[in-house]
Amino acid sequence: MVLGSPAAVPAQAETAGTDTAGEVYGAYSRMTSRSAGQFWADGRAAGQWAWKPLSATTSEISWGDPAKWPPNYAEKFVHEGGWVMLDGWRDNGTYYRLRITKEQIGDAKCGNLRTLATSGRQHYVKWDIPSQTYCLKAWGTLTEESSGKIVDFGHTQIWSPPAPCSNAKYGAQTCVKQWESWWDNQGRPGEPITRKLERDQFIARGIGMAFAIRQYFPKAWQADAHSDWTW
């Protein structure tokens, strides 16, 4: 397996310490309830998300076209201790099991990296929101359970603490920001992983996912939350 660098990390200003006592990822993502939302781009619906709790600790989130709902695609997350862990996702009638071979955690500029784990699910985001920006780097494999096909991946995230955010529909809110870059080799063993996605996502307290999406790669694109509900 080829472990390439998962991302060229953008310049990030150090975030001043803020009081985040009691702030948890669940209050922003809404992953523990049957919640949903729709985001728009260019004056029309561009996508929809919906959380479905499977147990007290496990939830899956579907993403797709609201005109063709429900979608086949859904990601599975597990709240485990102080972390939300990514187990994998289902799509195209099969499950893609994600397991890491190396994880690191560091500061806002992805410096001062130290080993976080070398096996298991991916540490996706801290449950208790810290007052400082932090970086997560992960490398590993996705196994297509229906065929055994293996995809090598690299994933870098930079999570920023709560800060003011706004969009035209909701006005002023409070968001945590996730910058992420995803790399893989599309199941071609021995080939280097290459960049497939780079974007910012703003997740708003009490509103949920995709409050604002600013995609930079593979093409510039943006969308903003238009509605949210429980089901």
Protein backbone atom coordinates (compact mmCIF):
# COMPACT_ATOMS: atom_id res chain seq x y z
CA MET A 1 0.00 0.00 0.00
CA VAL A 2 1.25 3.47 -0.89
CA LEU A 3 0.88 6.03 1.87
CA GLY A 4 1.10 9.42 0.18
CA SER A 5 0.71 12.79 1.83
CA PRO A 6 -3.04 13.25 2.25
CA ALA A 7 -3.02 16.98 1.74
CA ALA A 8 -1.16 20.16 1.24
CA VAL A 9 -2.44 21.97 4.30
CA PRO A 10 -3.69 25.54 3.78
CA ALA A 11 -2.38 28.40 5.84
CA GLN A 12 -4.53 28.62 8.97
CA ALA A 13 -4.41 31.36 11.55
CA GLU A 14 -4.12 30.20 15.11
CA THR A 15 -7.51 30.49 16.74
CA ALA A 16 -7.65 32.50 19.93
CA GLY A 17 -8.83 30.56 22.95
CA THR A 18 -12.56 30.74 23.52
CA ASP A 19 -14.78 29.30 26.20
CA THR A 20 -16.20 26.07 24.79
CA ALA A 21 -17.08 24.43 28.12
CA GLY A 22 -20.10 22.19 27.61
CA GLU A 23 -20.03 22.56 23.82
CA VAL A 24 -20.36 19.18 22.08
CA TYR A 25 -20.32 18.10 18.47
CA GLY A 26 -23.79 16.57 18.79
CA ALA A 27 -25.36 19.99 19.42
CA TYR A 28 -23.94 21.22 16.11
CA SER A 29 -24.28 18.14 13.90
CA ARG A 30 -27.58 16.95 15.46
CA MET A 31 -26.36 13.37 14.95
CA THR A 32 -28.23 12.00 17.99
CA SER A 33 -31.70 12.87 16.67
CA ARG A 34 -33.75 12.25 13.57
CA SER A 35 -32.74 15.52 11.99
CA ALA A 36 -32.46 16.64 8.39
CA GLY A 37 -31.69 19.64 6.26
CA GLN A 38 -31.47 20.89 2.73
CA PHE A 39 -28.80 23.07 1.16
CA TRP A 40 -29.19 25.21 -1.94
CA ALA A 41 -26.91 26.53 -4.66
CA ASP A 42 -27.72 28.87 -7.53
CA GLY A 43 -31.29 29.38 -6.29
CA ARG A 44 -32.34 25.74 -6.11
CA ALA A 45 -31.92 22.61 -3.99
CA ALA A 46 -28.44 21.14 -4.36
CA GLY A 47 -28.62 18.36 -1.78
CA GLN A 48 -30.10 17.01 1.41
CA TRP A 49 -28.84 15.26 4.53
CA ALA A 50 -30.60 13.27 7.26
CA TRP A 51 -29.38 11.65 10.46
CA LYS A 52 -30.86 8.33 11.57
CA PRO A 53 -29.80 7.16 15.07
CA LEU A 54 -29.31 3.39 15.13
CA SER A 55 -28.58 3.17 18.88
CA ALA A 56 -27.58 5.41 21.77
CA THR A 57 -24.07 5.67 20.34
CA THR A 58 -24.39 4.98 16.61
CA SER A 59 -25.95 7.08 13.86
CA GLU A 60 -25.87 7.11 10.10
CA ILE A 61 -26.17 10.16 7.90
CA SER A 62 -27.59 10.01 4.38
CA TRP A 63 -26.60 12.50 1.70
CA GLY A 64 -28.37 12.80 -1.64
CA ASP A 65 -30.69 14.47 -4.11
CA PRO A 66 -33.94 15.53 -2.38
CA ALA A 67 -35.84 14.70 -5.59
CA LYS A 68 -34.61 11.08 -5.37
CA TRP A 69 -34.92 10.49 -1.66
CA PRO A 70 -33.96 8.27 0.10
CA PRO A 71 -30.50 7.81 -1.40
CA ASN A 72 -28.42 4.64 -1.39
CA TYR A 73 -25.55 6.44 0.33
CA ALA A 74 -25.15 6.73 4.11
CA GLU A 75 -22.14 7.16 6.42
CA LYS A 76 -21.95 5.37 9.77
CA PHE A 77 -20.57 7.16 12.85
CA VAL A 78 -20.05 5.89 16.40
CA HIS A 79 -19.74 8.06 19.52
CA GLU A 80 -17.00 6.31 21.46
CA GLY A 81 -15.59 7.99 24.55
CA GLY A 82 -14.36 11.46 23.65
CA TRP A 83 -14.58 10.89 19.91
CA VAL A 84 -16.94 10.44 17.00
CA MET A 85 -15.51 7.56 14.96
CA LEU A 86 -16.15 6.88 11.26
CA ASP A 87 -16.84 3.18 10.60
CA GLY A 88 -17.56 3.41 6.85
CA TRP A 89 -20.48 3.90 4.50
CA ARG A 90 -22.96 2.03 2.37
CA ASP A 91 -23.46 2.74 -1.32
CA ASN A 92 -24.30 0.86 -4.49
CA GLY A 93 -25.84 -1.98 -2.51
CA THR A 94 -22.75 -2.76 -0.44
CA TYR A 95 -20.86 -1.53 2.62
CA TYR A 96 -17.43 0.06 2.50
CA ARG A 97 -15.64 -0.69 5.77
CA LEU A 98 -13.05 1.94 6.68
CA ARG A 99 -10.06 1.05 8.82
CA ILE A 100 -7.00 3.16 9.48
CA THR A 101 -3.38 2.06 9.45
CA LYS A 102 -1.99 5.37 10.74
CA GLU A 103 -3.51 8.44 12.40
CA GLN A 104 -1.91 11.63 13.66
CA ILE A 105 -3.18 14.65 15.58
CA GLY A 106 -1.59 18.08 15.58
CA ASP A 107 -2.09 21.81 15.82
CA ALA A 108 -3.96 24.27 13.59
CA LYS A 109 -1.23 24.16 10.94
CA CYS A 110 -0.89 20.36 11.10
CA GLY A 111 2.39 20.78 12.95
CA ASN A 112 3.53 19.06 16.16
CA LEU A 113 1.98 15.83 14.89
CA ARG A 114 1.85 12.80 17.15
CA THR A 115 0.49 9.31 16.64
CA LEU A 116 -3.15 8.90 17.59
CA ALA A 117 -3.81 5.31 16.43
CA THR A 118 -2.55 2.61 14.07
CA SER A 119 -5.68 0.49 13.67
CA GLY A 120 -9.46 0.57 14.00
CA ARG A 121 -12.07 3.11 12.99
CA GLN A 122 -11.10 6.63 12.01
CA HIS A 123 -11.08 9.31 14.72
CA TYR A 124 -13.31 11.76 12.87
CA VAL A 125 -13.96 14.60 15.32
CA LYS A 126 -13.72 15.28 19.06
CA TRP A 127 -17.07 15.09 20.87
CA ASP A 128 -16.22 17.81 23.41
CA ILE A 129 -15.32 20.83 21.31
CA PRO A 130 -11.91 22.22 22.30
CA SER A 131 -11.09 25.92 22.35
CA GLN A 132 -8.21 25.50 19.92
CA THR A 133 -8.11 24.43 16.29
CA TYR A 134 -6.71 20.93 15.74
CA CYS A 135 -5.62 18.80 12.79
CA LEU A 136 -6.31 15.12 12.12
CA LYS A 137 -4.50 13.03 9.50
CA ALA A 138 -5.52 9.49 8.65
CA TRP A 139 -4.35 6.83 6.21
CA GLY A 140 -5.91 3.45 5.70
CA THR A 141 -8.14 1.22 3.60
CA LEU A 142 -11.72 0.96 2.46
CA THR A 143 -12.91 -2.61 1.90
CA GLU A 144 -15.85 -3.16 -0.45
CA GLU A 145 -17.56 -5.94 1.45
CA SER A 146 -19.43 -7.37 -1.56
CA SER A 147 -16.22 -8.01 -3.51
CA GLY A 148 -13.27 -7.65 -1.14
CA LYS A 149 -11.84 -4.85 -3.29
CA ILE A 150 -9.57 -2.54 -1.30
CA VAL A 151 -9.12 1.20 -1.77
CA ASP A 152 -6.22 3.05 -0.12
CA PHE A 153 -7.06 6.50 1.24
CA GLY A 154 -5.67 9.55 2.99
CA HIS A 155 -7.83 12.08 4.85
CA THR A 156 -6.78 15.34 6.47
CA GLN A 157 -9.14 17.48 8.54
CA ILE A 158 -8.72 20.76 10.39
CA TRP A 159 -11.46 21.45 12.95
CA SER A 160 -11.96 25.00 14.24
CA PRO A 161 -13.84 25.94 17.44
CA PRO A 162 -17.21 27.74 17.51
CA ALA A 163 -17.23 31.11 15.79
CA PRO A 164 -19.84 33.47 14.26
CA CYS A 165 -21.18 32.43 10.86
CA SER A 166 -24.10 33.52 8.71
CA ASN A 167 -25.96 32.87 5.50
CA ALA A 168 -28.79 34.56 3.64
CA LYS A 169 -31.50 32.20 4.90
CA TYR A 170 -30.61 31.92 8.60
CA GLY A 171 -28.70 35.10 9.34
CA ALA A 172 -26.17 35.13 12.17
CA GLN A 173 -25.42 31.76 13.84
CA THR A 174 -22.56 29.94 15.54
CA CYS A 175 -20.60 27.29 13.63
CA VAL A 176 -17.71 24.91 13.89
CA LYS A 177 -15.69 24.65 10.69
CA GLN A 178 -14.27 21.51 9.11
CA TRP A 179 -11.65 21.82 6.39
CA GLU A 180 -10.99 18.49 4.73
CA SER A 181 -8.99 16.96 1.92
CA TRP A 182 -9.69 13.40 0.77
CA TRP A 183 -7.27 11.32 -1.30
CA ASP A 184 -7.54 7.74 -2.64
CA ASN A 185 -6.36 5.42 -5.42
CA GLN A 186 -9.81 4.14 -6.46
CA GLY A 187 -8.86 0.55 -5.66
CA ARG A 188 -5.80 0.33 -7.91
CA PRO A 189 -3.35 -1.55 -5.66
CA GLY A 190 0.14 -0.13 -5.52
CA GLU A 191 -0.79 3.16 -7.16
CA PRO A 192 -0.38 6.46 -5.31
CA ILE A 193 -3.39 8.11 -3.71
CA THR A 194 -4.43 11.34 -5.43
CA ARG A 195 -6.58 14.25 -4.28
CA LYS A 196 -10.32 13.85 -4.92
CA LEU A 197 -11.89 16.53 -2.70
CA GLU A 198 -11.01 19.69 -0.81
CA ARG A 199 -13.58 21.86 0.95
CA ASP A 200 -14.72 23.80 3.99
CA GLN A 201 -17.96 22.81 5.73
CA PHE A 202 -19.59 24.97 8.39
CA ILE A 203 -21.84 23.11 10.86
CA ALA A 204 -24.25 25.33 12.79
CA ARG A 205 -25.36 24.88 16.39
CA GLY A 206 -28.97 23.66 16.48
CA ILE A 207 -29.26 23.66 12.67
CA GLY A 208 -26.90 20.96 11.60
CA MET A 209 -24.76 19.94 8.68
CA ALA A 210 -23.92 21.88 5.52
CA PHE A 211 -24.78 25.31 6.92
CA ALA A 212 -22.24 26.45 4.36
CA ILE A 213 -20.10 24.44 1.95
CA ARG A 214 -17.17 26.00 0.15
CA GLN A 215 -15.62 23.47 -2.22
CA TYR A 216 -12.23 24.20 -3.78
CA PHE A 217 -11.45 20.92 -5.57
CA PRO A 218 -12.22 19.25 -7.97
CA LYS A 219 -13.98 22.49 -8.89
CA ALA A 220 -15.01 25.68 -7.14
CA TRP A 221 -18.58 25.37 -5.85
CA GLN A 222 -20.60 26.62 -2.90
CA ALA A 223 -23.93 25.99 -1.21
CA ASP A 224 -25.77 27.18 1.88
CA ALA A 225 -28.38 25.72 4.22
CA HIS A 226 -31.93 26.54 3.21
CA SER A 227 -34.07 24.53 5.68
CA ASP A 228 -33.83 22.02 8.53
CA TRP A 229 -36.33 19.80 10.35
CA THR A 230 -36.83 16.70 12.46
CA TRP A 231 -38.58 13.60 11.19
